[in-house]
Amino acid sequence: MLHIEKLSDGLLLFKALGSDVRLEIVRLLVERPMNMNELASSLHITNGALTTHIRKLEECGMVAISNDSTGHGNQKICRVVPDKLLINVKNASQSTENTCTIDLKVGRYSSCQVFPTCGLATGEQVIGVVDDYRYFSHPDHFDADILWFTQGYVEYQVPNFAPMYQHITQVTVSAELSSEAPGVNNQWPSDIGFYINDVFVGTWTSPGDFGDVRGIFTPDWWFPNWNQYGLLKMLTVNGQGTFMDGLKISDVRIGDLDLDQKPQFNLRFSVDYKSAHVGGLTIFGKTFGNYAQDIQVSLSYLEGSPSPQEGG
């Protein structure tokens, strides 16, 4: 998901999509990745003209190009990066709210209980032995940039860096996620639950464990029949409820989470064995998948309210 927080931040994107040809390029690439020759032929334009269009889509983050040497010669493969676009129309600068953000490395969980198939890896190698849950307690787990399990949970301690005596109005969690199938399976639903301070805030059903193409940032040594990339999801809890990518998934509100004046809070990703779809969970970090990011957590707070006596 590509999240544009201010309209002014989306100028490159809006300009890039203000062309019938480039919109058609995006439509074609949504169906499947294509090389430059295939695209030019489908659009009935020259490769030179196509290069100009692709460059504009690349600059705004809509399209990524990778080299594929498995066929004849070294071909440039184009693919669409975001699966969704989320644009904030309201200008956040007009609000009295401020935001503090922290990145959580995937392996820096504080507690876990996982069941095979499972494993974790750094950007250079697998940690321990695949499908042996004991390695989730190995000291090297802090360096993990990807982890996966069939059922269970991982929980993170998130520091609260909002200024003292400020009222937290919203918490946002952004992470690249997918299911966890034996091998890979793009049609493998999984109900992934989210908890904040032990409060269940909602569920998102991942459609699959994606392995049809290599992730843009997935290391070259990574096995081709393993998880390649996920979907970038944004969980938001505010005064109106809990939302996933802008769609409401529960009535849990920010006031239910007891965040004010606390030095830290818990964030849990879970796959419950009682769920309708027990399809596992994979969390991707900076060096895996299609998005060069860790788990990002943002807290919005309102300056000047409440008074110290009203803090939680």
C-alpha atoms as a PDB file:
ATOM      1  CA  MET A   1       0.000   0.000   0.000  1.00  0.00           C
ATOM      2  CA  LEU A   2       1.221   3.483  -0.887  1.00  0.00           C
ATOM      3  CA  HIS A   3       0.116   5.979   1.780  1.00  0.00           C
ATOM      4  CA  ILE A   4       0.140   9.674   0.837  1.00  0.00           C
ATOM      5  CA  GLU A   5      -0.342  11.659   4.020  1.00  0.00           C
ATOM      6  CA  LYS A   6      -0.614  15.092   2.361  1.00  0.00           C
ATOM      7  CA  LEU A   7      -1.885  16.031  -1.076  1.00  0.00           C
ATOM      8  CA  SER A   8       1.325  17.962  -1.735  1.00  0.00           C
ATOM      9  CA  ASP A   9       3.318  14.740  -1.200  1.00  0.00           C
ATOM     10  CA  GLY A  10       1.423  13.085  -4.054  1.00  0.00           C
ATOM     11  CA  LEU A  11       2.313  15.514  -6.860  1.00  0.00           C
ATOM     12  CA  LEU A  12       4.678  13.066  -8.592  1.00  0.00           C
ATOM     13  CA  LEU A  13       2.080  10.309  -8.398  1.00  0.00           C
ATOM     14  CA  PHE A  14      -0.759  12.495  -9.676  1.00  0.00           C
ATOM     15  CA  LYS A  15       1.365  13.697 -12.593  1.00  0.00           C
ATOM     16  CA  ALA A  16       2.471  10.169 -13.425  1.00  0.00           C
ATOM     17  CA  LEU A  17      -1.097   8.865 -13.463  1.00  0.00           C
ATOM     18  CA  GLY A  18      -2.334  11.848 -15.503  1.00  0.00           C
ATOM     19  CA  SER A  19      -1.691   9.949 -18.720  1.00  0.00           C
ATOM     20  CA  ASP A  20      -3.845   7.369 -20.476  1.00  0.00           C
ATOM     21  CA  VAL A  21      -0.736   5.456 -21.547  1.00  0.00           C
ATOM     22  CA  ARG A  22       0.675   5.246 -18.026  1.00  0.00           C
ATOM     23  CA  LEU A  23      -2.691   4.214 -16.601  1.00  0.00           C
ATOM     24  CA  GLU A  24      -2.776   1.427 -19.189  1.00  0.00           C
ATOM     25  CA  ILE A  25       0.749   0.387 -18.156  1.00  0.00           C
ATOM     26  CA  VAL A  26      -0.380   0.088 -14.540  1.00  0.00           C
ATOM     27  CA  ARG A  27      -3.470  -1.881 -15.597  1.00  0.00           C
ATOM     28  CA  LEU A  28      -1.364  -4.341 -17.580  1.00  0.00           C
ATOM     29  CA  LEU A  29       1.199  -4.783 -14.812  1.00  0.00           C
ATOM     30  CA  VAL A  30      -1.497  -5.383 -12.188  1.00  0.00           C
ATOM     31  CA  GLU A  31      -2.454  -8.468 -14.183  1.00  0.00           C
ATOM     32  CA  ARG A  32       1.135  -9.756 -14.275  1.00  0.00           C
ATOM     33  CA  PRO A  33       4.755  -8.505 -14.380  1.00  0.00           C
ATOM     34  CA  MET A  34       5.992  -7.936 -17.947  1.00  0.00           C
ATOM     35  CA  ASN A  35       9.296  -7.167 -19.604  1.00  0.00           C
ATOM     36  CA  MET A  36       9.845  -3.970 -21.564  1.00  0.00           C
ATOM     37  CA  ASN A  37       9.418  -5.611 -24.969  1.00  0.00           C
ATOM     38  CA  GLU A  38       6.095  -7.170 -23.971  1.00  0.00           C
ATOM     39  CA  LEU A  39       4.826  -3.852 -22.640  1.00  0.00           C
ATOM     40  CA  ALA A  40       5.854  -1.878 -25.716  1.00  0.00           C
ATOM     41  CA  SER A  41       4.221  -4.467 -27.978  1.00  0.00           C
ATOM     42  CA  SER A  42       0.972  -4.478 -25.945  1.00  0.00           C
ATOM     43  CA  LEU A  43       0.810  -0.675 -26.024  1.00  0.00           C
ATOM     44  CA  HIS A  44       1.882  -0.365 -29.684  1.00  0.00           C
ATOM     45  CA  ILE A  45       4.596   2.158 -28.818  1.00  0.00           C
ATOM     46  CA  THR A  46       8.371   2.173 -29.235  1.00  0.00           C
ATOM     47  CA  ASN A  47      10.714   1.044 -26.488  1.00  0.00           C
ATOM     48  CA  GLY A  48      12.080   4.580 -26.299  1.00  0.00           C
ATOM     49  CA  ALA A  49       8.643   6.051 -25.618  1.00  0.00           C
ATOM     50  CA  LEU A  50       7.928   3.303 -23.086  1.00  0.00           C
ATOM     51  CA  THR A  51      11.143   4.061 -21.195  1.00  0.00           C
ATOM     52  CA  THR A  52      10.009   7.640 -20.592  1.00  0.00           C
ATOM     53  CA  HIS A  53       6.635   6.500 -19.217  1.00  0.00           C
ATOM     54  CA  ILE A  54       8.203   3.808 -17.017  1.00  0.00           C
ATOM     55  CA  ARG A  55      10.690   6.304 -15.585  1.00  0.00           C
ATOM     56  CA  LYS A  56       7.852   8.569 -14.406  1.00  0.00           C
ATOM     57  CA  LEU A  57       6.022   5.627 -12.806  1.00  0.00           C
ATOM     58  CA  GLU A  58       9.259   4.530 -11.165  1.00  0.00           C
ATOM     59  CA  GLU A  59       9.942   7.987  -9.721  1.00  0.00           C
ATOM     60  CA  CYS A  60       6.616   8.069  -7.895  1.00  0.00           C
ATOM     61  CA  GLY A  61       6.925   4.510  -6.530  1.00  0.00           C
ATOM     62  CA  MET A  62       4.178   2.923  -8.617  1.00  0.00           C
ATOM     63  CA  VAL A  63       6.428   0.629 -10.674  1.00  0.00           C
ATOM     64  CA  ALA A  64       9.693  -1.164  -9.936  1.00  0.00           C
ATOM     65  CA  ILE A  65      12.129  -2.716 -12.406  1.00  0.00           C
ATOM     66  CA  SER A  66      14.264  -5.782 -11.752  1.00  0.00           C
ATOM     67  CA  ASN A  67      16.696  -7.682 -13.945  1.00  0.00           C
ATOM     68  CA  ASP A  68      15.749 -11.219 -14.974  1.00  0.00           C
ATOM     69  CA  SER A  69      18.558 -13.296 -16.426  1.00  0.00           C
ATOM     70  CA  THR A  70      16.639 -16.590 -16.454  1.00  0.00           C
ATOM     71  CA  GLY A  71      15.433 -16.145 -20.031  1.00  0.00           C
ATOM     72  CA  HIS A  72      17.294 -15.140 -23.178  1.00  0.00           C
ATOM     73  CA  GLY A  73      19.630 -12.335 -22.199  1.00  0.00           C
ATOM     74  CA  ASN A  74      19.210  -9.954 -19.298  1.00  0.00           C
ATOM     75  CA  GLN A  75      15.629  -8.642 -19.454  1.00  0.00           C
ATOM     76  CA  LYS A  76      14.150  -5.811 -17.422  1.00  0.00           C
ATOM     77  CA  ILE A  77      10.959  -6.946 -15.683  1.00  0.00           C
ATOM     78  CA  CYS A  78       8.398  -4.310 -14.631  1.00  0.00           C
ATOM     79  CA  ARG A  79       5.894  -4.809 -11.841  1.00  0.00           C
ATOM     80  CA  VAL A  80       3.462  -2.665  -9.868  1.00  0.00           C
ATOM     81  CA  VAL A  81       4.695  -2.042  -6.306  1.00  0.00           C
ATOM     82  CA  PRO A  82       1.687  -0.927  -4.186  1.00  0.00           C
ATOM     83  CA  ASP A  83      -1.444  -3.070  -4.019  1.00  0.00           C
ATOM     84  CA  LYS A  84      -3.490  -0.095  -2.768  1.00  0.00           C
ATOM     85  CA  LEU A  85      -3.327   3.703  -2.687  1.00  0.00           C
ATOM     86  CA  LEU A  86      -4.430   5.582   0.439  1.00  0.00           C
ATOM     87  CA  ILE A  87      -4.552   9.377   0.195  1.00  0.00           C
ATOM     88  CA  ASN A  88      -5.299  11.710   3.110  1.00  0.00           C
ATOM     89  CA  VAL A  89      -7.330  14.571   1.653  1.00  0.00           C
ATOM     90  CA  LYS A  90      -7.433  16.474   4.933  1.00  0.00           C
ATOM     91  CA  ASN A  91      -4.245  18.441   5.494  1.00  0.00           C
ATOM     92  CA  ALA A  92      -2.693  17.161   8.704  1.00  0.00           C
ATOM     93  CA  SER A  93      -0.798  20.433   9.166  1.00  0.00           C
ATOM     94  CA  GLN A  94      -4.105  22.183   9.890  1.00  0.00           C
ATOM     95  CA  SER A  95      -4.597  19.975  12.957  1.00  0.00           C
ATOM     96  CA  THR A  96      -3.173  20.572  16.425  1.00  0.00           C
ATOM     97  CA  GLU A  97      -2.057  16.934  16.479  1.00  0.00           C
ATOM     98  CA  ASN A  98       1.581  15.888  16.361  1.00  0.00           C
ATOM     99  CA  THR A  99       3.081  12.476  15.642  1.00  0.00           C
ATOM    100  CA  CYS A 100       5.995  10.418  16.899  1.00  0.00           C
ATOM    101  CA  THR A 101       7.065   7.302  15.009  1.00  0.00           C
ATOM    102  CA  ILE A 102       9.278   4.333  15.818  1.00  0.00           C
ATOM    103  CA  ASP A 103      10.516   1.477  13.626  1.00  0.00           C
ATOM    104  CA  LEU A 104      10.479  -1.993  15.159  1.00  0.00           C
ATOM    105  CA  LYS A 105      12.838  -4.560  13.651  1.00  0.00           C
ATOM    106  CA  VAL A 106      10.860  -7.734  12.933  1.00  0.00           C
ATOM    107  CA  GLY A 107      13.040  -9.851  15.217  1.00  0.00           C
ATOM    108  CA  ARG A 108      12.830  -7.562  18.248  1.00  0.00           C
ATOM    109  CA  TYR A 109       9.741  -9.177  19.748  1.00  0.00           C
ATOM    110  CA  SER A 110       9.574  -9.454  23.536  1.00  0.00           C
ATOM    111  CA  SER A 111       7.619 -12.709  23.728  1.00  0.00           C
ATOM    112  CA  CYS A 112       6.246 -15.345  21.404  1.00  0.00           C
ATOM    113  CA  GLN A 113       4.559 -18.705  21.124  1.00  0.00           C
ATOM    114  CA  VAL A 114       4.752 -20.195  17.646  1.00  0.00           C
ATOM    115  CA  PHE A 115       4.081 -23.522  15.947  1.00  0.00           C
ATOM    116  CA  PRO A 116       5.560 -25.037  12.763  1.00  0.00           C
ATOM    117  CA  THR A 117       5.842 -24.431   9.956  1.00  0.00           C
ATOM    118  CA  CYS A 118       7.994 -21.642  11.348  1.00  0.00           C
ATOM    119  CA  GLY A 119      11.335 -19.920  11.080  1.00  0.00           C
ATOM    120  CA  LEU A 120      13.199 -16.654  10.986  1.00  0.00           C
ATOM    121  CA  ALA A 121      16.126 -15.198   9.078  1.00  0.00           C
ATOM    122  CA  THR A 122      18.385 -12.195   8.792  1.00  0.00           C
ATOM    123  CA  GLY A 123      19.131 -10.586   5.443  1.00  0.00           C
ATOM    124  CA  GLU A 124      22.104 -12.963   5.119  1.00  0.00           C
ATOM    125  CA  GLN A 125      20.979 -16.353   6.484  1.00  0.00           C
ATOM    126  CA  VAL A 126      18.371 -18.472   8.222  1.00  0.00           C
ATOM    127  CA  ILE A 127      18.631 -18.421  12.013  1.00  0.00           C
ATOM    128  CA  GLY A 128      19.054 -21.955  13.316  1.00  0.00           C
ATOM    129  CA  VAL A 129      16.876 -24.699  11.850  1.00  0.00           C
ATOM    130  CA  VAL A 130      13.642 -24.163   9.945  1.00  0.00           C
ATOM    131  CA  ASP A 131      10.476 -25.483  11.662  1.00  0.00           C
ATOM    132  CA  ASP A 132      12.193 -25.710  15.064  1.00  0.00           C
ATOM    133  CA  TYR A 133      10.302 -23.200  17.241  1.00  0.00           C
ATOM    134  CA  ARG A 134      13.111 -23.175  19.826  1.00  0.00           C
ATOM    135  CA  TYR A 135      15.161 -20.876  17.599  1.00  0.00           C
ATOM    136  CA  PHE A 136      12.628 -18.086  18.197  1.00  0.00           C
ATOM    137  CA  SER A 137      14.408 -17.862  21.591  1.00  0.00           C
ATOM    138  CA  HIS A 138      17.901 -17.817  20.083  1.00  0.00           C
ATOM    139  CA  PRO A 139      19.857 -14.619  20.922  1.00  0.00           C
ATOM    140  CA  ASP A 140      20.184 -13.900  17.200  1.00  0.00           C
ATOM    141  CA  HIS A 141      16.412 -13.492  16.850  1.00  0.00           C
ATOM    142  CA  PHE A 142      16.877  -9.743  17.477  1.00  0.00           C
ATOM    143  CA  ASP A 143      18.580  -9.507  14.072  1.00  0.00           C
ATOM    144  CA  ALA A 144      15.777 -11.254  12.158  1.00  0.00           C
ATOM    145  CA  ASP A 145      14.329  -9.367   9.192  1.00  0.00           C
ATOM    146  CA  ILE A 146      11.642 -11.945   8.390  1.00  0.00           C
ATOM    147  CA  LEU A 147       9.708 -14.451  10.492  1.00  0.00           C
ATOM    148  CA  TRP A 148       6.905 -16.895   9.830  1.00  0.00           C
ATOM    149  CA  PHE A 149       4.710 -19.374  11.730  1.00  0.00           C
ATOM    150  CA  THR A 150       1.499 -21.370  11.226  1.00  0.00           C
ATOM    151  CA  GLN A 151      -0.248 -20.395  14.451  1.00  0.00           C
ATOM    152  CA  GLY A 152       0.539 -18.581  17.677  1.00  0.00           C
ATOM    153  CA  TYR A 153       1.786 -15.027  18.197  1.00  0.00           C
ATOM    154  CA  VAL A 154       4.698 -12.610  18.423  1.00  0.00           C
ATOM    155  CA  GLU A 155       4.463  -9.604  20.735  1.00  0.00           C
ATOM    156  CA  TYR A 156       6.474  -6.383  20.744  1.00  0.00           C
ATOM    157  CA  GLN A 157       7.101  -3.818  23.485  1.00  0.00           C
ATOM    158  CA  VAL A 158       6.594  -0.430  21.824  1.00  0.00           C
ATOM    159  CA  PRO A 159       8.123   2.600  23.584  1.00  0.00           C
ATOM    160  CA  ASN A 160       5.795   5.555  23.980  1.00  0.00           C
ATOM    161  CA  PHE A 161       7.733   8.692  23.048  1.00  0.00           C
ATOM    162  CA  ALA A 162       4.767  11.072  23.073  1.00  0.00           C
ATOM    163  CA  PRO A 163       5.546  14.062  25.333  1.00  0.00           C
ATOM    164  CA  MET A 164       4.422  13.763  28.937  1.00  0.00           C
ATOM    165  CA  TYR A 165       0.887  14.886  29.758  1.00  0.00           C
ATOM    166  CA  GLN A 166      -0.225  14.784  26.116  1.00  0.00           C
ATOM    167  CA  HIS A 167      -3.379  12.944  25.102  1.00  0.00           C
ATOM    168  CA  ILE A 168      -2.834  10.195  22.510  1.00  0.00           C
ATOM    169  CA  THR A 169      -5.512  10.420  19.822  1.00  0.00           C
ATOM    170  CA  GLN A 170      -4.426   7.739  17.360  1.00  0.00           C
ATOM    171  CA  VAL A 171      -2.103   4.765  16.993  1.00  0.00           C
ATOM    172  CA  THR A 172      -1.103   3.527  13.531  1.00  0.00           C
ATOM    173  CA  VAL A 173       0.743   0.304  12.717  1.00  0.00           C
ATOM    174  CA  SER A 174       2.176  -0.321   9.241  1.00  0.00           C
ATOM    175  CA  ALA A 175       3.709  -3.692   8.293  1.00  0.00           C
ATOM    176  CA  GLU A 176       4.191  -5.963   5.285  1.00  0.00           C
ATOM    177  CA  LEU A 177       2.292  -9.180   5.996  1.00  0.00           C
ATOM    178  CA  SER A 178       1.205 -12.418   4.358  1.00  0.00           C
ATOM    179  CA  SER A 179       0.003 -15.890   5.285  1.00  0.00           C
ATOM    180  CA  GLU A 180       2.329 -18.865   5.816  1.00  0.00           C
ATOM    181  CA  ALA A 181       1.721 -21.932   3.669  1.00  0.00           C
ATOM    182  CA  PRO A 182       3.932 -25.019   3.343  1.00  0.00           C
ATOM    183  CA  GLY A 183       6.043 -23.744   0.451  1.00  0.00           C
ATOM    184  CA  VAL A 184       4.023 -20.917  -1.117  1.00  0.00           C
ATOM    185  CA  ASN A 185       0.393 -20.586  -2.132  1.00  0.00           C
ATOM    186  CA  ASN A 186      -1.156 -17.336  -3.362  1.00  0.00           C
ATOM    187  CA  GLN A 187      -4.600 -18.682  -2.410  1.00  0.00           C
ATOM    188  CA  TRP A 188      -4.050 -19.447   1.277  1.00  0.00           C
ATOM    189  CA  PRO A 189      -6.279 -17.316   3.538  1.00  0.00           C
ATOM    190  CA  SER A 190      -5.296 -16.615   7.111  1.00  0.00           C
ATOM    191  CA  ASP A 191      -7.078 -14.657   9.858  1.00  0.00           C
ATOM    192  CA  ILE A 192      -4.436 -12.443  11.464  1.00  0.00           C
ATOM    193  CA  GLY A 193      -5.451 -10.842  14.757  1.00  0.00           C
ATOM    194  CA  PHE A 194      -4.062  -7.644  16.283  1.00  0.00           C
ATOM    195  CA  TYR A 195      -3.848  -6.786  19.990  1.00  0.00           C
ATOM    196  CA  ILE A 196      -2.741  -3.524  21.610  1.00  0.00           C
ATOM    197  CA  ASN A 197      -2.202  -3.553  25.377  1.00  0.00           C
ATOM    198  CA  ASP A 198      -3.919  -6.967  25.468  1.00  0.00           C
ATOM    199  CA  VAL A 199      -7.052  -5.519  23.838  1.00  0.00           C
ATOM    200  CA  PHE A 200      -8.148  -7.365  20.699  1.00  0.00           C
ATOM    201  CA  VAL A 201      -8.660  -4.604  18.140  1.00  0.00           C
ATOM    202  CA  GLY A 202      -9.535  -6.605  15.014  1.00  0.00           C
ATOM    203  CA  THR A 203      -8.687  -9.151  12.345  1.00  0.00           C
ATOM    204  CA  TRP A 204      -7.439  -8.945   8.787  1.00  0.00           C
ATOM    205  CA  THR A 205      -7.650 -11.970   6.491  1.00  0.00           C
ATOM    206  CA  SER A 206      -4.539 -12.322   4.350  1.00  0.00           C
ATOM    207  CA  PRO A 207      -5.485 -13.818   0.968  1.00  0.00           C
ATOM    208  CA  GLY A 208      -2.308 -15.831   0.518  1.00  0.00           C
ATOM    209  CA  ASP A 209       1.363 -16.624   0.975  1.00  0.00           C
ATOM    210  CA  PHE A 210       2.832 -14.962  -2.082  1.00  0.00           C
ATOM    211  CA  GLY A 211       5.537 -16.599  -4.146  1.00  0.00           C
ATOM    212  CA  ASP A 212       4.629 -16.014  -7.797  1.00  0.00           C
ATOM    213  CA  VAL A 213       7.511 -13.547  -8.267  1.00  0.00           C
ATOM    214  CA  ARG A 214      10.572 -12.687  -6.194  1.00  0.00           C
ATOM    215  CA  GLY A 215      10.121  -9.809  -3.774  1.00  0.00           C
ATOM    216  CA  ILE A 216      11.781  -6.591  -4.870  1.00  0.00           C
ATOM    217  CA  PHE A 217      14.035  -6.511  -1.781  1.00  0.00           C
ATOM    218  CA  THR A 218      14.150 -10.253  -1.051  1.00  0.00           C
ATOM    219  CA  PRO A 219      17.821 -11.374  -1.001  1.00  0.00           C
ATOM    220  CA  ASP A 220      19.202 -13.386  -3.913  1.00  0.00           C
ATOM    221  CA  TRP A 221      20.079 -16.329  -1.658  1.00  0.00           C
ATOM    222  CA  TRP A 222      16.464 -16.738  -0.507  1.00  0.00           C
ATOM    223  CA  PHE A 223      14.838 -19.946  -1.744  1.00  0.00           C
ATOM    224  CA  PRO A 224      12.431 -19.486  -4.693  1.00  0.00           C
ATOM    225  CA  ASN A 225       9.746 -21.748  -3.155  1.00  0.00           C
ATOM    226  CA  TRP A 226       9.609 -19.701   0.077  1.00  0.00           C
ATOM    227  CA  ASN A 227       7.626 -16.565   0.974  1.00  0.00           C
ATOM    228  CA  GLN A 228       8.641 -13.767  -1.402  1.00  0.00           C
ATOM    229  CA  TYR A 229       6.569 -10.728  -0.461  1.00  0.00           C
ATOM    230  CA  GLY A 230       3.495  -9.551   1.429  1.00  0.00           C
ATOM    231  CA  LEU A 231       0.911  -6.786   1.363  1.00  0.00           C
ATOM    232  CA  LEU A 232       1.601  -3.501   3.143  1.00  0.00           C
ATOM    233  CA  LYS A 233      -1.215  -3.053   5.668  1.00  0.00           C
ATOM    234  CA  MET A 234      -2.055  -0.064   7.850  1.00  0.00           C
ATOM    235  CA  LEU A 235      -3.924  -0.621  11.114  1.00  0.00           C
ATOM    236  CA  THR A 236      -5.338   2.538  12.717  1.00  0.00           C
ATOM    237  CA  VAL A 237      -7.101   2.987  16.057  1.00  0.00           C
ATOM    238  CA  ASN A 238      -8.574   6.424  16.796  1.00  0.00           C
ATOM    239  CA  GLY A 239     -11.613   8.027  18.384  1.00  0.00           C
ATOM    240  CA  GLN A 240     -13.951   6.595  15.754  1.00  0.00           C
ATOM    241  CA  GLY A 241     -12.872   2.946  15.970  1.00  0.00           C
ATOM    242  CA  THR A 242     -10.335   0.560  14.441  1.00  0.00           C
ATOM    243  CA  PHE A 243      -9.582   0.604  10.708  1.00  0.00           C
ATOM    244  CA  MET A 244      -7.553  -1.471   8.259  1.00  0.00           C
ATOM    245  CA  ASP A 245      -6.445   0.558   5.238  1.00  0.00           C
ATOM    246  CA  GLY A 246      -9.233   3.019   5.996  1.00  0.00           C
ATOM    247  CA  LEU A 247     -12.005   0.401   6.324  1.00  0.00           C
ATOM    248  CA  LYS A 248     -13.539  -0.057   9.775  1.00  0.00           C
ATOM    249  CA  ILE A 249     -12.954  -3.504  11.279  1.00  0.00           C
ATOM    250  CA  SER A 250     -14.089  -2.991  14.893  1.00  0.00           C
ATOM    251  CA  ASP A 251     -15.559  -0.509  17.381  1.00  0.00           C
ATOM    252  CA  VAL A 252     -12.469  -0.517  19.610  1.00  0.00           C
ATOM    253  CA  ARG A 253     -11.448   3.117  20.164  1.00  0.00           C
ATOM    254  CA  ILE A 254      -8.231   4.752  21.251  1.00  0.00           C
ATOM    255  CA  GLY A 255      -9.629   5.376  24.735  1.00  0.00           C
ATOM    256  CA  ASP A 256     -10.001   1.613  25.248  1.00  0.00           C
ATOM    257  CA  LEU A 257      -6.234   1.030  24.990  1.00  0.00           C
ATOM    258  CA  ASP A 258      -4.943   2.876  28.091  1.00  0.00           C
ATOM    259  CA  LEU A 259      -1.978   4.483  26.304  1.00  0.00           C
ATOM    260  CA  ASP A 260      -1.713   7.917  27.950  1.00  0.00           C
ATOM    261  CA  GLN A 261       1.275   8.467  30.253  1.00  0.00           C
ATOM    262  CA  LYS A 262       2.515   4.900  29.855  1.00  0.00           C
ATOM    263  CA  PRO A 263       6.234   4.414  29.001  1.00  0.00           C
ATOM    264  CA  GLN A 264       5.434   1.545  26.637  1.00  0.00           C
ATOM    265  CA  PHE A 265       2.644  -0.666  25.342  1.00  0.00           C
ATOM    266  CA  ASN A 266       2.255  -4.140  23.849  1.00  0.00           C
ATOM    267  CA  LEU A 267       1.602  -4.885  20.168  1.00  0.00           C
ATOM    268  CA  ARG A 268       0.719  -8.470  19.262  1.00  0.00           C
ATOM    269  CA  PHE A 269       0.317 -10.202  15.876  1.00  0.00           C
ATOM    270  CA  SER A 270      -1.590 -13.456  16.271  1.00  0.00           C
ATOM    271  CA  VAL A 271      -3.052 -16.426  14.406  1.00  0.00           C
ATOM    272  CA  ASP A 272      -5.529 -18.202  16.693  1.00  0.00           C
ATOM    273  CA  TYR A 273      -6.050 -21.930  16.276  1.00  0.00           C
ATOM    274  CA  LYS A 274      -9.803 -21.327  16.662  1.00  0.00           C
ATOM    275  CA  SER A 275      -9.924 -18.960  13.670  1.00  0.00           C
ATOM    276  CA  ALA A 276     -11.882 -19.844  10.554  1.00  0.00           C
ATOM    277  CA  HIS A 277      -8.693 -19.599   8.486  1.00  0.00           C
ATOM    278  CA  VAL A 278      -5.586 -20.806  10.306  1.00  0.00           C
ATOM    279  CA  GLY A 279      -3.180 -19.988   7.495  1.00  0.00           C
ATOM    280  CA  GLY A 280      -0.227 -18.621   9.432  1.00  0.00           C
ATOM    281  CA  LEU A 281       1.613 -15.322   9.379  1.00  0.00           C
ATOM    282  CA  THR A 282       4.758 -13.933   7.746  1.00  0.00           C
ATOM    283  CA  ILE A 283       6.156 -10.523   8.727  1.00  0.00           C
ATOM    284  CA  PHE A 284       8.632  -8.907   6.310  1.00  0.00           C
ATOM    285  CA  GLY A 285      11.318  -6.412   7.292  1.00  0.00           C
ATOM    286  CA  LYS A 286      13.511  -3.996   5.352  1.00  0.00           C
ATOM    287  CA  THR A 287      15.532  -6.559   3.414  1.00  0.00           C
ATOM    288  CA  PHE A 288      12.631  -8.778   2.352  1.00  0.00           C
ATOM    289  CA  GLY A 289       9.461  -8.339   0.321  1.00  0.00           C
ATOM    290  CA  ASN A 290       8.325  -5.339  -1.692  1.00  0.00           C
ATOM    291  CA  TYR A 291       8.630  -2.554   0.895  1.00  0.00           C
ATOM    292  CA  ALA A 292      11.927  -1.455   2.435  1.00  0.00           C
ATOM    293  CA  GLN A 293      10.514  -0.901   5.904  1.00  0.00           C
ATOM    294  CA  ASP A 294      10.326  -2.501   9.339  1.00  0.00           C
ATOM    295  CA  ILE A 295       7.182  -2.535  11.464  1.00  0.00           C
ATOM    296  CA  GLN A 296       6.297   1.153  11.824  1.00  0.00           C
ATOM    297  CA  VAL A 297       4.260   2.415  14.778  1.00  0.00           C
ATOM    298  CA  SER A 298       3.061   6.031  14.982  1.00  0.00           C
ATOM    299  CA  LEU A 299       1.361   7.811  17.858  1.00  0.00           C
ATOM    300  CA  SER A 300      -0.608  11.000  17.260  1.00  0.00           C
ATOM    301  CA  TYR A 301      -1.146  13.250  20.253  1.00  0.00           C
ATOM    302  CA  LEU A 302      -2.989  16.461  21.018  1.00  0.00           C
ATOM    303  CA  GLU A 303      -0.902  19.253  22.490  1.00  0.00           C
ATOM    304  CA  GLY A 304      -2.083  20.944  25.639  1.00  0.00           C
ATOM    305  CA  SER A 305      -4.718  18.350  26.613  1.00  0.00           C
ATOM    306  CA  PRO A 306      -5.411  16.773  28.983  1.00  0.00           C
ATOM    307  CA  SER A 307      -3.996  18.442  32.097  1.00  0.00           C
ATOM    308  CA  PRO A 308      -1.610  16.350  34.266  1.00  0.00           C
ATOM    309  CA  GLN A 309      -4.501  15.415  36.556  1.00  0.00           C
ATOM    310  CA  GLU A 310      -6.418  13.962  33.592  1.00  0.00           C
ATOM    311  CA  GLY A 311      -3.575  11.699  32.382  1.00  0.00           C
ATOM    312  CA  GLY A 312      -4.074   7.941  32.466  1.00  0.00           C
END
